[in-house]
PDB file of N, CA and C in Angstrom:
ATOM      1  N   MET A   1      -8.958 -15.203 112.484  1.00  0.00           N
ATOM      2  CA  MET A   1      -8.781 -13.870 113.114  1.00  0.00           C
ATOM      3  C   MET A   1      -9.184 -13.645 114.545  1.00  0.00           C
ATOM      4  N   ALA A   2     -10.237 -14.732 114.901  1.00  0.00           N
ATOM      5  CA  ALA A   2     -10.289 -14.265 116.269  1.00  0.00           C
ATOM      6  C   ALA A   2      -9.793 -14.775 116.938  1.00  0.00           C
ATOM      7  N   ALA A   3      -9.251 -16.334 117.349  1.00  0.00           N
ATOM      8  CA  ALA A   3      -8.284 -16.993 117.771  1.00  0.00           C
ATOM      9  C   ALA A   3      -7.023 -15.926 118.547  1.00  0.00           C
ATOM     10  N   TYR A   4      -6.578 -15.165 117.037  1.00  0.00           N
ATOM     11  CA  TYR A   4      -5.722 -14.354 117.217  1.00  0.00           C
ATOM     12  C   TYR A   4      -5.583 -12.419 118.442  1.00  0.00           C
ATOM     13  N   VAL A   5      -6.924 -11.826 118.449  1.00  0.00           N
ATOM     14  CA  VAL A   5      -7.080 -11.155 118.692  1.00  0.00           C
ATOM     15  C   VAL A   5      -8.039 -11.537 120.747  1.00  0.00           C
ATOM     16  N   VAL A   6      -8.312 -12.601 120.337  1.00  0.00           N
ATOM     17  CA  VAL A   6      -8.933 -13.018 121.737  1.00  0.00           C
ATOM     18  C   VAL A   6      -7.610 -13.548 122.323  1.00  0.00           C
ATOM     19  N   SER A   7      -6.057 -13.911 121.780  1.00  0.00           N
ATOM     20  CA  SER A   7      -5.092 -13.999 122.214  1.00  0.00           C
ATOM     21  C   SER A   7      -3.790 -12.941 122.705  1.00  0.00           C
ATOM     22  N   LYS A   8      -4.151 -11.878 122.013  1.00  0.00           N
ATOM     23  CA  LYS A   8      -3.303 -10.786 122.267  1.00  0.00           C
ATOM     24  C   LYS A   8      -3.990 -10.265 123.338  1.00  0.00           C
ATOM     25  N   ALA A   9      -5.569 -10.235 123.310  1.00  0.00           N
ATOM     26  CA  ALA A   9      -6.158 -10.179 124.833  1.00  0.00           C
ATOM     27  C   ALA A   9      -5.868 -10.273 126.252  1.00  0.00           C
ATOM     28  N   GLY A  10      -5.888 -11.679 125.471  1.00  0.00           N
ATOM     29  CA  GLY A  10      -5.682 -12.754 127.201  1.00  0.00           C
ATOM     30  C   GLY A  10      -3.775 -11.555 127.769  1.00  0.00           C
ATOM     31  N   LEU A  11      -3.007 -12.123 126.322  1.00  0.00           N
ATOM     32  CA  LEU A  11      -1.576 -11.821 127.419  1.00  0.00           C
ATOM     33  C   LEU A  11      -1.108 -10.309 127.459  1.00  0.00           C
ATOM     34  N   ASN A  12      -2.397  -9.515 126.987  1.00  0.00           N
ATOM     35  CA  ASN A  12      -2.141  -7.900 127.505  1.00  0.00           C
ATOM     36  C   ASN A  12      -2.885  -7.994 128.642  1.00  0.00           C
ATOM     37  N   GLY A  13      -4.061  -8.366 128.949  1.00  0.00           N
ATOM     38  CA  GLY A  13      -4.379  -9.201 130.555  1.00  0.00           C
ATOM     39  C   GLY A  13      -3.700  -9.724 131.148  1.00  0.00           C
ATOM     40  N   TYR A  14      -2.954 -10.656 130.653  1.00  0.00           N
ATOM     41  CA  TYR A  14      -1.968 -11.421 132.129  1.00  0.00           C
ATOM     42  C   TYR A  14      -1.266 -10.784 132.187  1.00  0.00           C
ATOM     43  N   THR A  15       0.472  -9.641 131.252  1.00  0.00           N
ATOM     44  CA  THR A  15       1.029  -8.880 131.291  1.00  0.00           C
ATOM     45  C   THR A  15       0.324  -7.226 132.022  1.00  0.00           C
ATOM     46  N   ARG A  16      -0.839  -6.985 132.943  1.00  0.00           N
ATOM     47  CA  ARG A  16      -0.775  -6.550 133.260  1.00  0.00           C
ATOM     48  C   ARG A  16      -1.309  -7.243 135.091  1.00  0.00           C
ATOM     49  N   ILE A  17      -1.664  -8.389 134.822  1.00  0.00           N
ATOM     50  CA  ILE A  17      -1.610  -9.436 136.178  1.00  0.00           C
ATOM     51  C   ILE A  17      -0.477  -9.473 137.176  1.00  0.00           C
ATOM     52  N   LEU A  18       0.695  -9.784 135.905  1.00  0.00           N
ATOM     53  CA  LEU A  18       1.921 -10.202 136.419  1.00  0.00           C
ATOM     54  C   LEU A  18       2.600  -8.607 137.002  1.00  0.00           C
ATOM     55  N   ALA A  19       2.539  -7.627 136.020  1.00  0.00           N
ATOM     56  CA  ALA A  19       2.770  -6.528 136.857  1.00  0.00           C
ATOM     57  C   ALA A  19       2.245  -6.422 138.015  1.00  0.00           C
ATOM     58  N   LYS A  20       1.117  -6.186 138.872  1.00  0.00           N
ATOM     59  CA  LYS A  20       1.169  -6.430 139.492  1.00  0.00           C
ATOM     60  C   LYS A  20       0.813  -7.034 141.276  1.00  0.00           C
ATOM     61  N   LYS A  21       1.493  -8.137 140.478  1.00  0.00           N
ATOM     62  CA  LYS A  21       1.593  -8.791 140.922  1.00  0.00           C
ATOM     63  C   LYS A  21       2.958  -9.348 141.575  1.00  0.00           C
ATOM     64  N   HIS A  22       3.975  -8.544 140.825  1.00  0.00           N
ATOM     65  CA  HIS A  22       5.413  -8.761 141.315  1.00  0.00           C
ATOM     66  C   HIS A  22       5.680  -7.037 140.406  1.00  0.00           C
ATOM     67  N   PRO A  23       5.258  -6.422 141.708  1.00  0.00           N
ATOM     68  CA  PRO A  23       5.900  -4.549 140.729  1.00  0.00           C
ATOM     69  C   PRO A  23       7.513  -4.772 141.571  1.00  0.00           C
ATOM     70  N   GLU A  24       8.564  -5.517 142.474  1.00  0.00           N
ATOM     71  CA  GLU A  24       9.658  -5.822 142.090  1.00  0.00           C
ATOM     72  C   GLU A  24      10.782  -5.820 140.441  1.00  0.00           C
ATOM     73  N   ILE A  25       9.128  -6.381 139.743  1.00  0.00           N
ATOM     74  CA  ILE A  25      10.007  -6.336 138.703  1.00  0.00           C
ATOM     75  C   ILE A  25       9.217  -5.777 137.990  1.00  0.00           C
ATOM     76  N   ARG A  26       9.598  -5.549 136.133  1.00  0.00           N
ATOM     77  CA  ARG A  26       9.021  -4.520 134.986  1.00  0.00           C
ATOM     78  C   ARG A  26       8.685  -5.701 134.203  1.00  0.00           C
ATOM     79  N   VAL A  27       7.607  -5.455 134.047  1.00  0.00           N
ATOM     80  CA  VAL A  27       6.805  -6.344 132.903  1.00  0.00           C
ATOM     81  C   VAL A  27       5.545  -5.747 132.355  1.00  0.00           C
ATOM     82  N   ASN A  28       6.206  -5.644 130.458  1.00  0.00           N
ATOM     83  CA  ASN A  28       5.617  -4.785 129.280  1.00  0.00           C
ATOM     84  C   ASN A  28       5.048  -6.064 128.154  1.00  0.00           C
ATOM     85  N   SER A  29       4.661  -6.065 127.426  1.00  0.00           N
ATOM     86  CA  SER A  29       4.554  -6.381 125.992  1.00  0.00           C
ATOM     87  C   SER A  29       4.726  -5.730 125.281  1.00  0.00           C
ATOM     88  N   VAL A  30       5.332  -6.239 124.563  1.00  0.00           N
ATOM     89  CA  VAL A  30       5.421  -5.734 122.974  1.00  0.00           C
ATOM     90  C   VAL A  30       5.222  -5.934 121.858  1.00  0.00           C
ATOM     91  N   CYS A  31       4.268  -5.530 120.880  1.00  0.00           N
ATOM     92  CA  CYS A  31       4.163  -5.336 119.444  1.00  0.00           C
ATOM     93  C   CYS A  31       5.331  -4.772 118.752  1.00  0.00           C
ATOM     94  N   PRO A  32       6.534  -5.874 118.244  1.00  0.00           N
ATOM     95  CA  PRO A  32       7.471  -5.221 117.405  1.00  0.00           C
ATOM     96  C   PRO A  32       7.229  -5.448 115.276  1.00  0.00           C
ATOM     97  N   GLY A  33       5.301  -5.275 114.893  1.00  0.00           N
ATOM     98  CA  GLY A  33       5.811  -5.099 113.695  1.00  0.00           C
ATOM     99  C   GLY A  33       5.396  -6.368 112.722  1.00  0.00           C
ATOM    100  N   VAL A  34       5.774  -6.460 111.320  1.00  0.00           N
ATOM    101  CA  VAL A  34       5.578  -6.867 110.752  1.00  0.00           C
ATOM    102  C   VAL A  34       6.888  -6.906 110.461  1.00  0.00           C
ATOM    103  N   VAL A  35       7.751  -8.512 110.604  1.00  0.00           N
ATOM    104  CA  VAL A  35       8.732  -8.151 110.606  1.00  0.00           C
ATOM    105  C   VAL A  35       9.223  -9.489 109.675  1.00  0.00           C
ATOM    106  N   ARG A  36      10.042  -8.987 108.613  1.00  0.00           N
ATOM    107  CA  ARG A  36      10.702 -10.096 107.843  1.00  0.00           C
ATOM    108  C   ARG A  36      11.055 -11.697 108.366  1.00  0.00           C
ATOM    109  N   THR A  37      10.676 -12.385 108.224  1.00  0.00           N
ATOM    110  CA  THR A  37      11.349 -13.181 108.829  1.00  0.00           C
ATOM    111  C   THR A  37      10.676 -15.202 107.785  1.00  0.00           C
ATOM    112  N   ASP A  38      11.447 -15.600 108.010  1.00  0.00           N
ATOM    113  CA  ASP A  38      10.798 -17.049 107.278  1.00  0.00           C
ATOM    114  C   ASP A  38       9.628 -17.158 107.963  1.00  0.00           C
ATOM    115  N   MET A  39       9.492 -16.805 109.350  1.00  0.00           N
ATOM    116  CA  MET A  39       7.989 -17.101 110.095  1.00  0.00           C
ATOM    117  C   MET A  39       6.715 -16.111 109.119  1.00  0.00           C
ATOM    118  N   THR A  40       7.724 -14.990 107.722  1.00  0.00           N
ATOM    119  CA  THR A  40       6.551 -14.640 107.953  1.00  0.00           C
ATOM    120  C   THR A  40       6.285 -14.375 106.259  1.00  0.00           C
ATOM    121  N   PHE A  41       7.721 -15.437 105.284  1.00  0.00           N
ATOM    122  CA  PHE A  41       7.888 -15.411 104.467  1.00  0.00           C
ATOM    123  C   PHE A  41       8.400 -14.200 103.517  1.00  0.00           C
ATOM    124  N   ASN A  42       8.962 -13.543 104.578  1.00  0.00           N
ATOM    125  CA  ASN A  42       9.958 -13.150 104.731  1.00  0.00           C
ATOM    126  C   ASN A  42       8.741 -11.529 103.610  1.00  0.00           C
ATOM    127  N   ILE A  43       7.957 -11.733 104.428  1.00  0.00           N
ATOM    128  CA  ILE A  43       6.937 -10.381 104.162  1.00  0.00           C
ATOM    129  C   ILE A  43       6.578  -9.259 105.669  1.00  0.00           C
ATOM    130  N   GLY A  44       7.671  -7.908 105.665  1.00  0.00           N
ATOM    131  CA  GLY A  44       6.968  -7.501 106.132  1.00  0.00           C
ATOM    132  C   GLY A  44       7.554  -5.864 105.969  1.00  0.00           C
ATOM    133  N   ASP A  45       7.345  -5.329 107.074  1.00  0.00           N
ATOM    134  CA  ASP A  45       7.557  -2.944 106.962  1.00  0.00           C
ATOM    135  C   ASP A  45       9.074  -3.568 107.575  1.00  0.00           C
ATOM    136  N   PHE A  46       9.674  -4.971 108.707  1.00  0.00           N
ATOM    137  CA  PHE A  46      10.868  -4.093 109.301  1.00  0.00           C
ATOM    138  C   PHE A  46      11.842  -5.451 109.259  1.00  0.00           C
ATOM    139  N   SER A  47      13.235  -5.507 109.274  1.00  0.00           N
ATOM    140  CA  SER A  47      13.843  -6.316 109.397  1.00  0.00           C
ATOM    141  C   SER A  47      14.119  -6.915 110.558  1.00  0.00           C
ATOM    142  N   VAL A  48      14.720  -7.965 110.749  1.00  0.00           N
ATOM    143  CA  VAL A  48      15.077  -8.735 112.265  1.00  0.00           C
ATOM    144  C   VAL A  48      15.425  -7.716 112.870  1.00  0.00           C
ATOM    145  N   GLU A  49      16.315  -6.899 112.594  1.00  0.00           N
ATOM    146  CA  GLU A  49      17.153  -5.862 113.669  1.00  0.00           C
ATOM    147  C   GLU A  49      16.386  -4.823 114.341  1.00  0.00           C
ATOM    148  N   GLU A  50      15.324  -4.356 112.844  1.00  0.00           N
ATOM    149  CA  GLU A  50      14.816  -2.932 113.690  1.00  0.00           C
ATOM    150  C   GLU A  50      13.252  -3.967 114.398  1.00  0.00           C
ATOM    151  N   GLY A  51      13.047  -4.726 114.304  1.00  0.00           N
ATOM    152  CA  GLY A  51      12.270  -5.711 114.919  1.00  0.00           C
ATOM    153  C   GLY A  51      12.266  -5.814 116.433  1.00  0.00           C
ATOM    154  N   ALA A  52      14.086  -6.387 116.604  1.00  0.00           N
ATOM    155  CA  ALA A  52      13.649  -6.899 117.605  1.00  0.00           C
ATOM    156  C   ALA A  52      15.069  -5.019 118.760  1.00  0.00           C
ATOM    157  N   SER A  53      14.833  -4.537 117.926  1.00  0.00           N
ATOM    158  CA  SER A  53      15.218  -2.713 118.718  1.00  0.00           C
ATOM    159  C   SER A  53      14.734  -2.742 119.548  1.00  0.00           C
ATOM    160  N   CYS A  54      12.566  -2.536 119.311  1.00  0.00           N
ATOM    161  CA  CYS A  54      11.830  -2.528 120.827  1.00  0.00           C
ATOM    162  C   CYS A  54      12.356  -2.990 121.960  1.00  0.00           C
ATOM    163  N   PRO A  55      11.636  -4.200 122.214  1.00  0.00           N
ATOM    164  CA  PRO A  55      12.165  -4.948 122.790  1.00  0.00           C
ATOM    165  C   PRO A  55      13.538  -5.209 124.042  1.00  0.00           C
ATOM    166  N   VAL A  56      14.303  -4.844 122.929  1.00  0.00           N
ATOM    167  CA  VAL A  56      15.945  -4.853 123.284  1.00  0.00           C
ATOM    168  C   VAL A  56      16.388  -3.465 124.127  1.00  0.00           C
ATOM    169  N   ARG A  57      15.345  -2.124 123.549  1.00  0.00           N
ATOM    170  CA  ARG A  57      15.755  -0.882 124.329  1.00  0.00           C
ATOM    171  C   ARG A  57      14.603  -1.057 125.609  1.00  0.00           C
ATOM    172  N   LEU A  58      13.523  -1.704 125.321  1.00  0.00           N
ATOM    173  CA  LEU A  58      12.656  -1.477 127.028  1.00  0.00           C
ATOM    174  C   LEU A  58      13.421  -2.197 127.917  1.00  0.00           C
ATOM    175  N   ALA A  59      14.279  -3.230 128.155  1.00  0.00           N
ATOM    176  CA  ALA A  59      15.004  -4.101 128.949  1.00  0.00           C
ATOM    177  C   ALA A  59      16.006  -3.390 129.149  1.00  0.00           C
ATOM    178  N   LEU A  60      16.593  -1.739 128.908  1.00  0.00           N
ATOM    179  CA  LEU A  60      18.089  -1.741 128.995  1.00  0.00           C
ATOM    180  C   LEU A  60      17.679  -0.379 129.646  1.00  0.00           C
ATOM    181  N   LEU A  61      16.148   0.227 129.554  1.00  0.00           N
ATOM    182  CA  LEU A  61      16.325   1.352 130.243  1.00  0.00           C
ATOM    183  C   LEU A  61      16.563   0.649 132.052  1.00  0.00           C
ATOM    184  N   PRO A  62      17.009   2.055 132.418  1.00  0.00           N
ATOM    185  CA  PRO A  62      16.912   2.473 133.824  1.00  0.00           C
ATOM    186  C   PRO A  62      15.853   1.875 134.601  1.00  0.00           C
ATOM    187  N   TYR A  63      15.889   0.720 135.348  1.00  0.00           N
ATOM    188  CA  TYR A  63      14.786   0.576 136.713  1.00  0.00           C
ATOM    189  C   TYR A  63      13.840   1.094 136.163  1.00  0.00           C
ATOM    190  N   GLN A  64      14.276   3.015 137.025  1.00  0.00           N
ATOM    191  CA  GLN A  64      13.425   4.145 137.475  1.00  0.00           C
ATOM    192  C   GLN A  64      12.516   4.284 136.786  1.00  0.00           C
ATOM    193  N   GLU A  65      13.576   4.385 135.106  1.00  0.00           N
ATOM    194  CA  GLU A  65      12.597   5.007 134.175  1.00  0.00           C
ATOM    195  C   GLU A  65      11.220   4.308 132.837  1.00  0.00           C
ATOM    196  N   THR A  66      11.604   2.827 133.642  1.00  0.00           N
ATOM    197  CA  THR A  66      10.789   2.214 132.836  1.00  0.00           C
ATOM    198  C   THR A  66       9.222   1.614 133.369  1.00  0.00           C
ATOM    199  N   PRO A  67       8.120   2.013 132.751  1.00  0.00           N
ATOM    200  CA  PRO A  67       6.896   1.459 133.194  1.00  0.00           C
ATOM    201  C   PRO A  67       6.662   0.294 133.669  1.00  0.00           C
ATOM    202  N   SER A  68       5.448  -0.727 134.072  1.00  0.00           N
ATOM    203  CA  SER A  68       5.057  -1.704 134.206  1.00  0.00           C
ATOM    204  C   SER A  68       3.931  -2.149 134.353  1.00  0.00           C
ATOM    205  N   GLY A  69       3.268  -3.352 133.318  1.00  0.00           N
ATOM    206  CA  GLY A  69       2.151  -3.858 133.097  1.00  0.00           C
ATOM    207  C   GLY A  69       1.536  -2.389 131.796  1.00  0.00           C
ATOM    208  N   CYS A  70       2.591  -2.006 130.588  1.00  0.00           N
ATOM    209  CA  CYS A  70       1.913  -1.502 129.200  1.00  0.00           C
ATOM    210  C   CYS A  70       1.633  -2.506 128.213  1.00  0.00           C
ATOM    211  N   PHE A  71       1.960  -1.594 127.361  1.00  0.00           N
ATOM    212  CA  PHE A  71       1.968  -2.588 126.146  1.00  0.00           C
ATOM    213  C   PHE A  71       2.950  -1.354 125.334  1.00  0.00           C
ATOM    214  N   PHE A  72       3.329  -1.747 124.280  1.00  0.00           N
ATOM    215  CA  PHE A  72       4.257  -0.629 123.799  1.00  0.00           C
ATOM    216  C   PHE A  72       3.758  -1.298 121.481  1.00  0.00           C
ATOM    217  N   ASN A  73       3.660  -0.342 121.318  1.00  0.00           N
ATOM    218  CA  ASN A  73       3.567  -0.445 120.295  1.00  0.00           C
ATOM    219  C   ASN A  73       4.338  -0.058 119.635  1.00  0.00           C
ATOM    220  N   ARG A  74       5.932  -0.948 118.666  1.00  0.00           N
ATOM    221  CA  ARG A  74       7.093  -0.573 118.463  1.00  0.00           C
ATOM    222  C   ARG A  74       7.642   0.089 119.913  1.00  0.00           C
ATOM    223  N   LYS A  75       7.869   1.339 119.311  1.00  0.00           N
ATOM    224  CA  LYS A  75       8.578   2.250 120.300  1.00  0.00           C
ATOM    225  C   LYS A  75       7.322   2.889 121.197  1.00  0.00           C
ATOM    226  N   GLN A  76       6.736   3.325 120.866  1.00  0.00           N
ATOM    227  CA  GLN A  76       5.474   4.257 121.307  1.00  0.00           C
ATOM    228  C   GLN A  76       4.867   3.543 122.759  1.00  0.00           C
ATOM    229  N   LEU A  77       4.018   4.313 124.017  1.00  0.00           N
ATOM    230  CA  LEU A  77       2.833   3.337 124.609  1.00  0.00           C
ATOM    231  C   LEU A  77       2.089   3.301 123.855  1.00  0.00           C
ATOM    232  N   SER A  78       1.212   2.325 123.974  1.00  0.00           N
ATOM    233  CA  SER A  78       0.063   1.998 123.757  1.00  0.00           C
ATOM    234  C   SER A  78      -1.288   1.847 124.622  1.00  0.00           C
ATOM    235  N   GLU A  79      -2.015   1.649 124.294  1.00  0.00           N
ATOM    236  CA  GLU A  79      -3.212   1.762 125.210  1.00  0.00           C
ATOM    237  C   GLU A  79      -3.969   0.448 124.614  1.00  0.00           C
ATOM    238  N   PHE A  80      -4.258  -1.052 124.937  1.00  0.00           N
ATOM    239  CA  PHE A  80      -4.464  -2.423 125.202  1.00  0.00           C
ATOM    240  C   PHE A  80      -5.509  -2.075 124.218  1.00  0.00           C
TER     241      PHE A  80
END
């Protein structure tokens, strides 16, 4: 579990670095929740469609309305 926590912290930090380095694009990270897939042995709270809806929704937001350098827990803006 420690390796997972460190990797998530690294990903969140890298998200902020990329957002600052490239202000002309939007860079965010999204946690879709536990999605029922083969990888989770079909155990999870969300279907594949529900899990995909969060990153797809963010990707389709108009540029002016999209934050950058942020972490989203499902559909909610969240603190790192």
